[in-house]
Amino acid sequence: MPAVSQKCRPDARSGPDPSAIYGRTFISTFTSTFTSTSTFTSTSIDNKEVLQYLNEYKPPTEGQLLRVLLCGPVGAGKSSLINSVLSVLRGRIYRQALAVDTSSDSVTKEYTSYRIKKDDGSFYPLVFNDIMGLSKEGGVLVEDIKLALKGHVKDGYRFNPRGELSEDDRHYNNFPTSSDRVHLLVFVVPADTLSLMEDQLVQKLRNIKGEASRLNIPQLAVLTKIDVAFPEVKDVKDNYKSRNVKVMMEKCSAKMAIRMNCIFPVRNYCEEIDMSDDMDSLILSTIKHILHCADDFLAFTQKEPDSS
C-alpha cells in the first residue's frame, strides 16, 4: 500500500468551503508565522465559521467514525486536551475527562472513548480516545497502543503495565471495523518537560510512531503547557510570535520526527472557569487539522483493499 499523505488539507466533499477559513486569520502552516511582521488575530466570526464547518462536516460513509488516539507521557495533558475540545465545541467549560496534569502517575487507567454531542442531539463523527500515559519504566505498554491503533482494544479495557492485552480477554476486539481502527495518532507533548524527556521514553514514542507509519496512519503533535514553559508569553495570540515557542517546536520536531506544520502549540483549559475566544481559536484550529488528516486517511484507505 502506498504511503498516505500527511498533509493537513481541506476536503471539499462535504460541509462549507474550508478554503475560506484557510484564507483568513487561522494558521495553516507554521513556516511563515514567526516573522517580524506576522500576526495572529482571533475574532468571533472566525471561530463561528470553523465551528460551523466542524458541525456540518459529514464523513463520506454514513455512520463512519473518525477515531483519534491521544498518546503521550504521563501528565502531558491528554485528558485536559479532551476537556478543552469538549469545552470549545460545546461552548462551556467541561471537566468530563479526569485530569491532573501535575501527577507523576497516570490518572487515566482505562481505554476510554469520548464522543461529543451537538446542540441538536446528534454527535460529531470525531471520537477521541484517551489512554494511560507513557513513562520511562511504567505506564501503558507500547504493545497495547499498537493493538489500539489496529482497533483491537475495546472501551473499558484497564491497562496493565505488567502485561499486554491478550486475545482471550473480553476487551480484545477480534473483528475491528473501520470505525474501531485509529485514523489519526496525536502525540500530546508537554513543552515544559520536553527538553528533560528521557531517551527511553522518546524511544517508546518513536516505536509507536513507527507502527503508525507502518499502518499508514498519519500523525500530529500537540504541544501543551506553553503557558508553563513560557510564562512570559502571557497572551495566547503571541504563541505565533514567540521565538522561544518556535525553538520548542523545532525540538519537538527533531525528537518525534514530525514536520513543523504538523505540530500545534495550545493552551488547555485547566485553571479557567470561563471561555476565552483566543484560546478557543488555537484549539479550533487544531481540531480542524485533526479532522482534515483523519478524513484524508479515511478517504485513502477506502480506495485500497483491506490489508489488516
C-alpha atoms as a PDB file:
ATOM      1  CA  MET A   1       0.000   0.000   0.000  1.00  0.00           C
ATOM      2  CA  PRO A   2       1.484   3.393  -0.871  1.00  0.00           C
ATOM      3  CA  ALA A   3       2.231   5.829   1.932  1.00  0.00           C
ATOM      4  CA  VAL A   4      -0.646   8.104   2.828  1.00  0.00           C
ATOM      5  CA  SER A   5      -0.025  11.812   2.596  1.00  0.00           C
ATOM      6  CA  GLN A   6       0.222  13.502   5.978  1.00  0.00           C
ATOM      7  CA  LYS A   7      -0.526  16.923   4.586  1.00  0.00           C
ATOM      8  CA  CYS A   8      -3.348  18.547   6.516  1.00  0.00           C
ATOM      9  CA  ARG A   9      -5.593  19.986   3.871  1.00  0.00           C
ATOM     10  CA  PRO A  10      -9.280  20.756   3.490  1.00  0.00           C
ATOM     11  CA  ASP A  11     -11.583  18.270   1.867  1.00  0.00           C
ATOM     12  CA  ALA A  12     -14.240  19.722  -0.406  1.00  0.00           C
ATOM     13  CA  ARG A  13     -16.561  16.721  -0.384  1.00  0.00           C
ATOM     14  CA  SER A  14     -18.820  17.994   2.368  1.00  0.00           C
ATOM     15  CA  GLY A  15     -19.545  20.995   4.568  1.00  0.00           C
ATOM     16  CA  PRO A  16     -18.843  24.657   3.814  1.00  0.00           C
ATOM     17  CA  ASP A  17     -15.874  25.610   1.691  1.00  0.00           C
ATOM     18  CA  PRO A  18     -12.889  25.362   4.061  1.00  0.00           C
ATOM     19  CA  SER A  19     -10.683  27.408   1.730  1.00  0.00           C
ATOM     20  CA  ALA A  20     -12.426  30.484   3.061  1.00  0.00           C
ATOM     21  CA  ILE A  21     -11.295  29.509   6.545  1.00  0.00           C
ATOM     22  CA  TYR A  22      -7.734  28.786   5.478  1.00  0.00           C
ATOM     23  CA  GLY A  23      -7.526  32.156   3.758  1.00  0.00           C
ATOM     24  CA  ARG A  24      -8.496  34.147   6.852  1.00  0.00           C
ATOM     25  CA  THR A  25      -6.763  34.519  10.192  1.00  0.00           C
ATOM     26  CA  PHE A  26      -6.081  30.898  11.033  1.00  0.00           C
ATOM     27  CA  ILE A  27      -2.619  29.454  10.581  1.00  0.00           C
ATOM     28  CA  SER A  28      -2.418  26.559   8.129  1.00  0.00           C
ATOM     29  CA  THR A  29       1.359  26.178   8.261  1.00  0.00           C
ATOM     30  CA  PHE A  30       3.993  27.381  10.650  1.00  0.00           C
ATOM     31  CA  THR A  31       6.722  28.267   8.184  1.00  0.00           C
ATOM     32  CA  SER A  32       5.601  31.869   7.880  1.00  0.00           C
ATOM     33  CA  THR A  33       4.195  32.529  11.338  1.00  0.00           C
ATOM     34  CA  PHE A  34       7.304  33.614  13.171  1.00  0.00           C
ATOM     35  CA  THR A  35       8.421  36.516  11.006  1.00  0.00           C
ATOM     36  CA  SER A  36       8.667  40.009  12.398  1.00  0.00           C
ATOM     37  CA  THR A  37       5.543  41.047  10.520  1.00  0.00           C
ATOM     38  CA  SER A  38       3.412  38.008  11.318  1.00  0.00           C
ATOM     39  CA  THR A  39       0.332  38.372  13.476  1.00  0.00           C
ATOM     40  CA  PHE A  40      -2.309  36.049  14.812  1.00  0.00           C
ATOM     41  CA  THR A  41      -5.689  37.609  15.334  1.00  0.00           C
ATOM     42  CA  SER A  42      -8.821  35.987  16.600  1.00  0.00           C
ATOM     43  CA  THR A  43     -12.357  37.216  16.089  1.00  0.00           C
ATOM     44  CA  SER A  44     -15.681  35.668  16.961  1.00  0.00           C
ATOM     45  CA  ILE A  45     -16.637  35.399  13.289  1.00  0.00           C
ATOM     46  CA  ASP A  46     -13.626  33.192  12.544  1.00  0.00           C
ATOM     47  CA  ASN A  47     -14.423  30.891  15.442  1.00  0.00           C
ATOM     48  CA  LYS A  48     -18.025  30.683  14.306  1.00  0.00           C
ATOM     49  CA  GLU A  49     -17.009  29.760  10.753  1.00  0.00           C
ATOM     50  CA  VAL A  50     -14.782  26.931  11.949  1.00  0.00           C
ATOM     51  CA  LEU A  51     -17.455  25.729  14.358  1.00  0.00           C
ATOM     52  CA  GLN A  52     -19.964  25.737  11.507  1.00  0.00           C
ATOM     53  CA  TYR A  53     -17.576  23.764   9.313  1.00  0.00           C
ATOM     54  CA  LEU A  54     -16.997  21.182  12.051  1.00  0.00           C
ATOM     55  CA  ASN A  55     -20.722  20.997  12.791  1.00  0.00           C
ATOM     56  CA  GLU A  56     -21.670  20.436   9.142  1.00  0.00           C
ATOM     57  CA  TYR A  57     -18.883  18.001   8.247  1.00  0.00           C
ATOM     58  CA  LYS A  58     -20.087  14.548   7.284  1.00  0.00           C
ATOM     59  CA  PRO A  59     -17.816  11.560   6.561  1.00  0.00           C
ATOM     60  CA  PRO A  60     -18.122  10.003   3.092  1.00  0.00           C
ATOM     61  CA  THR A  61     -19.854   6.934   4.552  1.00  0.00           C
ATOM     62  CA  GLU A  62     -22.901   7.444   6.766  1.00  0.00           C
ATOM     63  CA  GLY A  63     -22.236   6.336  10.329  1.00  0.00           C
ATOM     64  CA  GLN A  64     -18.468   6.247   9.874  1.00  0.00           C
ATOM     65  CA  LEU A  65     -16.480   7.436  12.898  1.00  0.00           C
ATOM     66  CA  LEU A  66     -13.101   9.160  12.726  1.00  0.00           C
ATOM     67  CA  ARG A  67     -11.083   7.818  15.645  1.00  0.00           C
ATOM     68  CA  VAL A  68      -8.275   9.924  17.101  1.00  0.00           C
ATOM     69  CA  LEU A  69      -5.888   8.288  19.565  1.00  0.00           C
ATOM     70  CA  LEU A  70      -4.089  10.557  22.026  1.00  0.00           C
ATOM     71  CA  CYS A  71      -0.701   9.284  23.149  1.00  0.00           C
ATOM     72  CA  GLY A  72       1.962  10.864  25.321  1.00  0.00           C
ATOM     73  CA  PRO A  73       3.856  10.871  28.606  1.00  0.00           C
ATOM     74  CA  VAL A  74       2.181  10.774  31.999  1.00  0.00           C
ATOM     75  CA  GLY A  75       0.927  14.264  32.848  1.00  0.00           C
ATOM     76  CA  ALA A  76       1.279  15.612  29.302  1.00  0.00           C
ATOM     77  CA  GLY A  77      -2.282  16.922  29.246  1.00  0.00           C
ATOM     78  CA  LYS A  78      -4.117  14.317  27.140  1.00  0.00           C
ATOM     79  CA  SER A  79      -7.241  14.354  29.291  1.00  0.00           C
ATOM     80  CA  SER A  80      -7.052  18.151  29.589  1.00  0.00           C
ATOM     81  CA  LEU A  81      -6.904  18.379  25.804  1.00  0.00           C
ATOM     82  CA  ILE A  82     -10.073  16.287  25.542  1.00  0.00           C
ATOM     83  CA  ASN A  83     -11.766  18.548  28.076  1.00  0.00           C
ATOM     84  CA  SER A  84     -10.631  21.578  26.081  1.00  0.00           C
ATOM     85  CA  VAL A  85     -12.034  20.139  22.849  1.00  0.00           C
ATOM     86  CA  LEU A  86     -15.323  19.358  24.609  1.00  0.00           C
ATOM     87  CA  SER A  87     -15.402  22.878  26.034  1.00  0.00           C
ATOM     88  CA  VAL A  88     -14.804  24.620  22.723  1.00  0.00           C
ATOM     89  CA  LEU A  89     -17.322  22.539  20.775  1.00  0.00           C
ATOM     90  CA  ARG A  90     -19.978  22.751  23.496  1.00  0.00           C
ATOM     91  CA  GLY A  91     -19.414  26.392  24.410  1.00  0.00           C
ATOM     92  CA  ARG A  92     -18.754  25.996  28.117  1.00  0.00           C
ATOM     93  CA  ILE A  93     -16.089  24.591  30.418  1.00  0.00           C
ATOM     94  CA  TYR A  94     -16.177  20.772  30.529  1.00  0.00           C
ATOM     95  CA  ARG A  95     -14.460  18.528  33.066  1.00  0.00           C
ATOM     96  CA  GLN A  96     -15.621  15.142  31.762  1.00  0.00           C
ATOM     97  CA  ALA A  97     -12.174  13.546  31.397  1.00  0.00           C
ATOM     98  CA  LEU A  98     -10.399  13.221  34.736  1.00  0.00           C
ATOM     99  CA  ALA A  99      -7.221  15.272  34.544  1.00  0.00           C
ATOM    100  CA  VAL A 100      -4.415  16.138  36.935  1.00  0.00           C
ATOM    101  CA  ASP A 101      -1.590  17.398  34.750  1.00  0.00           C
ATOM    102  CA  THR A 102       0.951  17.604  37.593  1.00  0.00           C
ATOM    103  CA  SER A 103       0.617  13.984  38.727  1.00  0.00           C
ATOM    104  CA  SER A 104       3.569  11.594  38.452  1.00  0.00           C
ATOM    105  CA  ASP A 105       1.100   8.741  37.972  1.00  0.00           C
ATOM    106  CA  SER A 106      -1.348   8.455  35.088  1.00  0.00           C
ATOM    107  CA  VAL A 107      -4.901   9.445  36.056  1.00  0.00           C
ATOM    108  CA  THR A 108      -6.344   7.602  33.058  1.00  0.00           C
ATOM    109  CA  LYS A 109      -6.330   3.860  33.690  1.00  0.00           C
ATOM    110  CA  GLU A 110      -8.772   2.605  31.040  1.00  0.00           C
ATOM    111  CA  TYR A 111      -9.177   2.843  27.288  1.00  0.00           C
ATOM    112  CA  THR A 112     -11.872   5.489  27.039  1.00  0.00           C
ATOM    113  CA  SER A 113     -13.729   6.881  24.031  1.00  0.00           C
ATOM    114  CA  TYR A 114     -15.145  10.397  24.065  1.00  0.00           C
ATOM    115  CA  ARG A 115     -17.878  11.413  21.647  1.00  0.00           C
ATOM    116  CA  ILE A 116     -19.134  14.981  21.560  1.00  0.00           C
ATOM    117  CA  LYS A 117     -22.827  15.783  21.335  1.00  0.00           C
ATOM    118  CA  LYS A 118     -24.098  18.588  19.123  1.00  0.00           C
ATOM    119  CA  ASP A 119     -26.872  21.001  20.085  1.00  0.00           C
ATOM    120  CA  ASP A 120     -29.390  19.011  18.041  1.00  0.00           C
ATOM    121  CA  GLY A 121     -28.657  15.825  19.980  1.00  0.00           C
ATOM    122  CA  SER A 122     -26.575  14.144  17.269  1.00  0.00           C
ATOM    123  CA  PHE A 123     -22.829  13.552  17.640  1.00  0.00           C
ATOM    124  CA  TYR A 124     -19.731  14.793  15.887  1.00  0.00           C
ATOM    125  CA  PRO A 125     -18.104  11.959  13.907  1.00  0.00           C
ATOM    126  CA  LEU A 126     -14.780  12.605  15.676  1.00  0.00           C
ATOM    127  CA  VAL A 127     -14.047  10.177  18.524  1.00  0.00           C
ATOM    128  CA  PHE A 128     -11.160  10.922  20.888  1.00  0.00           C
ATOM    129  CA  ASN A 129      -9.560   8.004  22.697  1.00  0.00           C
ATOM    130  CA  ASP A 130      -7.712   8.614  25.941  1.00  0.00           C
ATOM    131  CA  ILE A 131      -5.204   6.096  27.274  1.00  0.00           C
ATOM    132  CA  MET A 132      -2.853   5.656  30.199  1.00  0.00           C
ATOM    133  CA  GLY A 133       0.268   7.791  29.909  1.00  0.00           C
ATOM    134  CA  LEU A 134       3.712   6.511  28.980  1.00  0.00           C
ATOM    135  CA  SER A 135       6.654   6.629  31.350  1.00  0.00           C
ATOM    136  CA  LYS A 136      10.276   5.537  31.244  1.00  0.00           C
ATOM    137  CA  GLU A 137       9.739   2.269  33.108  1.00  0.00           C
ATOM    138  CA  GLY A 138       5.961   2.010  33.601  1.00  0.00           C
ATOM    139  CA  GLY A 139       2.684   3.290  32.303  1.00  0.00           C
ATOM    140  CA  VAL A 140       0.841   1.931  29.286  1.00  0.00           C
ATOM    141  CA  LEU A 141       2.628  -0.757  27.308  1.00  0.00           C
ATOM    142  CA  VAL A 142       3.731   0.073  23.780  1.00  0.00           C
ATOM    143  CA  GLU A 143       2.219  -3.201  22.555  1.00  0.00           C
ATOM    144  CA  ASP A 144      -1.206  -2.213  23.904  1.00  0.00           C
ATOM    145  CA  ILE A 145      -1.034   1.063  21.974  1.00  0.00           C
ATOM    146  CA  LYS A 146      -0.149  -0.858  18.816  1.00  0.00           C
ATOM    147  CA  LEU A 147      -3.222  -3.047  19.360  1.00  0.00           C
ATOM    148  CA  ALA A 148      -5.350   0.069  19.842  1.00  0.00           C
ATOM    149  CA  LEU A 149      -4.100   1.504  16.545  1.00  0.00           C
ATOM    150  CA  LYS A 150      -5.489  -1.573  14.786  1.00  0.00           C
ATOM    151  CA  GLY A 151      -8.820  -1.434  16.627  1.00  0.00           C
ATOM    152  CA  HIS A 152      -8.261  -4.487  18.828  1.00  0.00           C
ATOM    153  CA  VAL A 153      -8.856  -2.710  22.164  1.00  0.00           C
ATOM    154  CA  LYS A 154     -12.423  -2.318  23.416  1.00  0.00           C
ATOM    155  CA  ASP A 155     -13.685   0.546  25.544  1.00  0.00           C
ATOM    156  CA  GLY A 156     -13.209  -0.042  29.259  1.00  0.00           C
ATOM    157  CA  TYR A 157     -10.033  -2.088  28.990  1.00  0.00           C
ATOM    158  CA  ARG A 158      -7.964  -1.413  32.111  1.00  0.00           C
ATOM    159  CA  PHE A 159      -4.332  -1.107  31.136  1.00  0.00           C
ATOM    160  CA  ASN A 160      -1.873  -3.381  32.906  1.00  0.00           C
ATOM    161  CA  PRO A 161       1.732  -2.123  32.905  1.00  0.00           C
ATOM    162  CA  ARG A 162       2.898  -5.693  33.622  1.00  0.00           C
ATOM    163  CA  GLY A 163       1.245  -7.432  30.709  1.00  0.00           C
ATOM    164  CA  GLU A 164      -0.350  -6.623  27.360  1.00  0.00           C
ATOM    165  CA  LEU A 165      -3.931  -7.308  26.333  1.00  0.00           C
ATOM    166  CA  SER A 166      -4.365 -10.959  25.321  1.00  0.00           C
ATOM    167  CA  GLU A 167      -6.603 -12.299  22.571  1.00  0.00           C
ATOM    168  CA  ASP A 168      -8.706 -14.278  25.054  1.00  0.00           C
ATOM    169  CA  ASP A 169      -9.510 -11.171  27.114  1.00  0.00           C
ATOM    170  CA  ARG A 170     -13.115  -9.930  26.876  1.00  0.00           C
ATOM    171  CA  HIS A 171     -11.796  -6.479  25.944  1.00  0.00           C
ATOM    172  CA  TYR A 172      -9.946  -7.814  22.902  1.00  0.00           C
ATOM    173  CA  ASN A 173     -11.760  -6.978  19.676  1.00  0.00           C
ATOM    174  CA  ASN A 174     -11.152  -9.837  17.267  1.00  0.00           C
ATOM    175  CA  PHE A 175     -13.002  -8.260  14.360  1.00  0.00           C
ATOM    176  CA  PRO A 176     -12.411  -4.475  14.332  1.00  0.00           C
ATOM    177  CA  THR A 177     -14.472  -2.396  11.934  1.00  0.00           C
ATOM    178  CA  SER A 178     -13.279   0.692  10.114  1.00  0.00           C
ATOM    179  CA  SER A 179     -14.758   2.831  12.898  1.00  0.00           C
ATOM    180  CA  ASP A 180     -12.852   0.832  15.532  1.00  0.00           C
ATOM    181  CA  ARG A 181      -9.472   1.456  13.926  1.00  0.00           C
ATOM    182  CA  VAL A 182      -7.484   4.614  14.582  1.00  0.00           C
ATOM    183  CA  HIS A 183      -7.481   7.175  11.755  1.00  0.00           C
ATOM    184  CA  LEU A 184      -5.081   9.651  13.340  1.00  0.00           C
ATOM    185  CA  LEU A 185      -2.434   9.378  16.051  1.00  0.00           C
ATOM    186  CA  VAL A 186      -1.915  12.551  18.066  1.00  0.00           C
ATOM    187  CA  PHE A 187       1.148  12.807  20.281  1.00  0.00           C
ATOM    188  CA  VAL A 188       0.491  15.080  23.242  1.00  0.00           C
ATOM    189  CA  VAL A 189       3.842  16.522  24.322  1.00  0.00           C
ATOM    190  CA  PRO A 190       4.387  18.829  27.328  1.00  0.00           C
ATOM    191  CA  ALA A 191       6.500  21.845  26.416  1.00  0.00           C
ATOM    192  CA  ASP A 192       7.690  22.385  29.991  1.00  0.00           C
ATOM    193  CA  THR A 193       9.431  18.995  30.242  1.00  0.00           C
ATOM    194  CA  LEU A 194      10.203  18.205  26.596  1.00  0.00           C
ATOM    195  CA  SER A 195      13.903  19.009  26.972  1.00  0.00           C
ATOM    196  CA  LEU A 196      14.113  16.702  30.014  1.00  0.00           C
ATOM    197  CA  MET A 197      12.391  13.729  28.369  1.00  0.00           C
ATOM    198  CA  GLU A 198      14.442  10.572  28.927  1.00  0.00           C
ATOM    199  CA  ASP A 199      15.802   8.659  25.949  1.00  0.00           C
ATOM    200  CA  GLN A 200      13.849   5.535  26.976  1.00  0.00           C
ATOM    201  CA  LEU A 201      10.586   7.448  26.771  1.00  0.00           C
ATOM    202  CA  VAL A 202      11.489   9.041  23.454  1.00  0.00           C
ATOM    203  CA  GLN A 203      12.306   5.574  22.121  1.00  0.00           C
ATOM    204  CA  LYS A 204       8.864   4.322  23.166  1.00  0.00           C
ATOM    205  CA  LEU A 205       7.206   7.218  21.367  1.00  0.00           C
ATOM    206  CA  ARG A 206       9.344   6.564  18.272  1.00  0.00           C
ATOM    207  CA  ASN A 207       8.398   2.875  18.413  1.00  0.00           C
ATOM    208  CA  ILE A 208       4.687   3.760  18.445  1.00  0.00           C
ATOM    209  CA  LYS A 209       5.217   6.265  15.642  1.00  0.00           C
ATOM    210  CA  GLY A 210       6.944   3.584  13.592  1.00  0.00           C
ATOM    211  CA  GLU A 211       3.976   1.239  13.952  1.00  0.00           C
ATOM    212  CA  ALA A 212       1.549   4.002  12.988  1.00  0.00           C
ATOM    213  CA  SER A 213       3.662   4.763   9.920  1.00  0.00           C
ATOM    214  CA  ARG A 214       3.709   1.065   9.005  1.00  0.00           C
ATOM    215  CA  LEU A 215      -0.098   1.146   9.128  1.00  0.00           C
ATOM    216  CA  ASN A 216      -0.082   4.389   7.094  1.00  0.00           C
ATOM    217  CA  ILE A 217      -1.811   6.206   9.983  1.00  0.00           C
ATOM    218  CA  PRO A 218      -0.936   9.932   9.892  1.00  0.00           C
ATOM    219  CA  GLN A 219       0.452  11.634  12.982  1.00  0.00           C
ATOM    220  CA  LEU A 220       0.273  15.092  14.516  1.00  0.00           C
ATOM    221  CA  ALA A 221       1.716  16.512  17.727  1.00  0.00           C
ATOM    222  CA  VAL A 222       0.023  18.877  20.148  1.00  0.00           C
ATOM    223  CA  LEU A 223       2.482  20.847  22.260  1.00  0.00           C
ATOM    224  CA  THR A 224       0.798  21.541  25.594  1.00  0.00           C
ATOM    225  CA  LYS A 225       1.674  23.638  28.661  1.00  0.00           C
ATOM    226  CA  ILE A 226       3.023  26.513  26.585  1.00  0.00           C
ATOM    227  CA  ASP A 227       1.974  28.872  29.378  1.00  0.00           C
ATOM    228  CA  VAL A 228       4.008  26.876  31.923  1.00  0.00           C
ATOM    229  CA  ALA A 229       7.111  26.606  29.741  1.00  0.00           C
ATOM    230  CA  PHE A 230       6.981  30.256  28.681  1.00  0.00           C
ATOM    231  CA  PRO A 231       5.257  32.367  31.358  1.00  0.00           C
ATOM    232  CA  GLU A 232       6.467  35.478  29.538  1.00  0.00           C
ATOM    233  CA  VAL A 233       4.015  34.660  26.709  1.00  0.00           C
ATOM    234  CA  LYS A 234       1.001  35.974  28.587  1.00  0.00           C
ATOM    235  CA  ASP A 235      -1.287  36.373  25.569  1.00  0.00           C
ATOM    236  CA  VAL A 236      -2.054  33.127  23.725  1.00  0.00           C
ATOM    237  CA  LYS A 237      -2.067  35.043  20.431  1.00  0.00           C
ATOM    238  CA  ASP A 238       1.661  35.585  20.947  1.00  0.00           C
ATOM    239  CA  ASN A 239       2.320  31.848  20.622  1.00  0.00           C
ATOM    240  CA  TYR A 240       2.848  32.525  16.946  1.00  0.00           C
ATOM    241  CA  LYS A 241       5.238  35.414  17.502  1.00  0.00           C
ATOM    242  CA  SER A 242       7.447  33.884  20.174  1.00  0.00           C
ATOM    243  CA  ARG A 243      10.892  32.773  19.107  1.00  0.00           C
ATOM    244  CA  ASN A 244      11.045  30.517  22.188  1.00  0.00           C
ATOM    245  CA  VAL A 245       7.882  28.690  21.158  1.00  0.00           C
ATOM    246  CA  LYS A 246       9.306  28.128  17.689  1.00  0.00           C
ATOM    247  CA  VAL A 247      12.535  26.716  19.152  1.00  0.00           C
ATOM    248  CA  MET A 248      10.491  24.358  21.320  1.00  0.00           C
ATOM    249  CA  MET A 249       8.509  23.236  18.274  1.00  0.00           C
ATOM    250  CA  GLU A 250      11.795  22.556  16.470  1.00  0.00           C
ATOM    251  CA  LYS A 251      12.955  20.409  19.403  1.00  0.00           C
ATOM    252  CA  CYS A 252       9.665  18.512  19.310  1.00  0.00           C
ATOM    253  CA  SER A 253      10.035  18.040  15.555  1.00  0.00           C
ATOM    254  CA  ALA A 254      13.547  16.640  15.997  1.00  0.00           C
ATOM    255  CA  LYS A 255      12.634  14.283  18.853  1.00  0.00           C
ATOM    256  CA  MET A 256       9.434  12.990  17.277  1.00  0.00           C
ATOM    257  CA  ALA A 257      10.399  13.221  13.590  1.00  0.00           C
ATOM    258  CA  ILE A 258       7.209  15.204  12.899  1.00  0.00           C
ATOM    259  CA  ARG A 259       7.085  18.131  10.486  1.00  0.00           C
ATOM    260  CA  MET A 260       6.745  21.622  11.899  1.00  0.00           C
ATOM    261  CA  ASN A 261       3.395  22.202  10.205  1.00  0.00           C
ATOM    262  CA  CYS A 262       2.057  19.123  11.985  1.00  0.00           C
ATOM    263  CA  ILE A 263       2.862  20.482  15.461  1.00  0.00           C
ATOM    264  CA  PHE A 264       0.262  22.623  17.227  1.00  0.00           C
ATOM    265  CA  PRO A 265       1.095  24.636  20.354  1.00  0.00           C
ATOM    266  CA  VAL A 266      -2.003  25.053  22.508  1.00  0.00           C
ATOM    267  CA  ARG A 267      -3.043  26.096  25.969  1.00  0.00           C
ATOM    268  CA  ASN A 268      -5.563  23.749  27.539  1.00  0.00           C
ATOM    269  CA  TYR A 269      -8.425  24.846  29.729  1.00  0.00           C
ATOM    270  CA  CYS A 270      -7.096  23.841  33.151  1.00  0.00           C
ATOM    271  CA  GLU A 271      -7.456  26.776  35.544  1.00  0.00           C
ATOM    272  CA  GLU A 272     -10.039  28.849  33.698  1.00  0.00           C
ATOM    273  CA  ILE A 273     -13.705  28.894  34.700  1.00  0.00           C
ATOM    274  CA  ASP A 274     -14.811  30.919  31.673  1.00  0.00           C
ATOM    275  CA  MET A 275     -14.177  30.554  27.954  1.00  0.00           C
ATOM    276  CA  SER A 276     -11.687  32.686  26.002  1.00  0.00           C
ATOM    277  CA  ASP A 277     -12.064  33.461  22.283  1.00  0.00           C
ATOM    278  CA  ASP A 278      -8.291  33.439  21.763  1.00  0.00           C
ATOM    279  CA  MET A 279      -7.785  30.087  23.484  1.00  0.00           C
ATOM    280  CA  ASP A 280     -10.756  28.765  21.507  1.00  0.00           C
ATOM    281  CA  SER A 281      -9.097  29.839  18.250  1.00  0.00           C
ATOM    282  CA  LEU A 282      -5.948  27.815  18.916  1.00  0.00           C
ATOM    283  CA  ILE A 283      -7.924  24.740  19.900  1.00  0.00           C
ATOM    284  CA  LEU A 284     -10.364  25.076  16.994  1.00  0.00           C
ATOM    285  CA  SER A 285      -7.503  25.372  14.535  1.00  0.00           C
ATOM    286  CA  THR A 286      -6.040  22.167  15.984  1.00  0.00           C
ATOM    287  CA  ILE A 287      -9.378  20.332  15.781  1.00  0.00           C
ATOM    288  CA  LYS A 288      -9.793  21.459  12.177  1.00  0.00           C
ATOM    289  CA  HIS A 289      -6.431  19.983  11.183  1.00  0.00           C
ATOM    290  CA  ILE A 290      -7.169  16.810  13.134  1.00  0.00           C
ATOM    291  CA  LEU A 291     -10.405  16.400  11.173  1.00  0.00           C
ATOM    292  CA  HIS A 292      -8.685  17.039   7.835  1.00  0.00           C
ATOM    293  CA  CYS A 293      -5.923  14.496   8.467  1.00  0.00           C
ATOM    294  CA  ALA A 294      -8.286  11.809   9.735  1.00  0.00           C
ATOM    295  CA  ASP A 295     -10.639  12.409   6.801  1.00  0.00           C
ATOM    296  CA  ASP A 296      -7.761  12.236   4.308  1.00  0.00           C
ATOM    297  CA  PHE A 297      -6.644   8.906   5.767  1.00  0.00           C
ATOM    298  CA  LEU A 298     -10.164   7.509   5.641  1.00  0.00           C
ATOM    299  CA  ALA A 299     -10.579   8.581   2.010  1.00  0.00           C
ATOM    300  CA  PHE A 300      -7.249   6.963   1.177  1.00  0.00           C
ATOM    301  CA  THR A 301      -7.973   3.637   2.884  1.00  0.00           C
ATOM    302  CA  GLN A 302     -11.420   3.352   1.309  1.00  0.00           C
ATOM    303  CA  LYS A 303      -9.733   3.296  -2.093  1.00  0.00           C
ATOM    304  CA  GLU A 304      -7.414   0.478  -1.064  1.00  0.00           C
ATOM    305  CA  PRO A 305      -8.148  -3.188  -0.248  1.00  0.00           C
ATOM    306  CA  ASP A 306      -8.199  -4.016   3.476  1.00  0.00           C
ATOM    307  CA  SER A 307      -4.762  -5.391   4.337  1.00  0.00           C
ATOM    308  CA  SER A 308      -5.121  -5.804   8.118  1.00  0.00           C
END
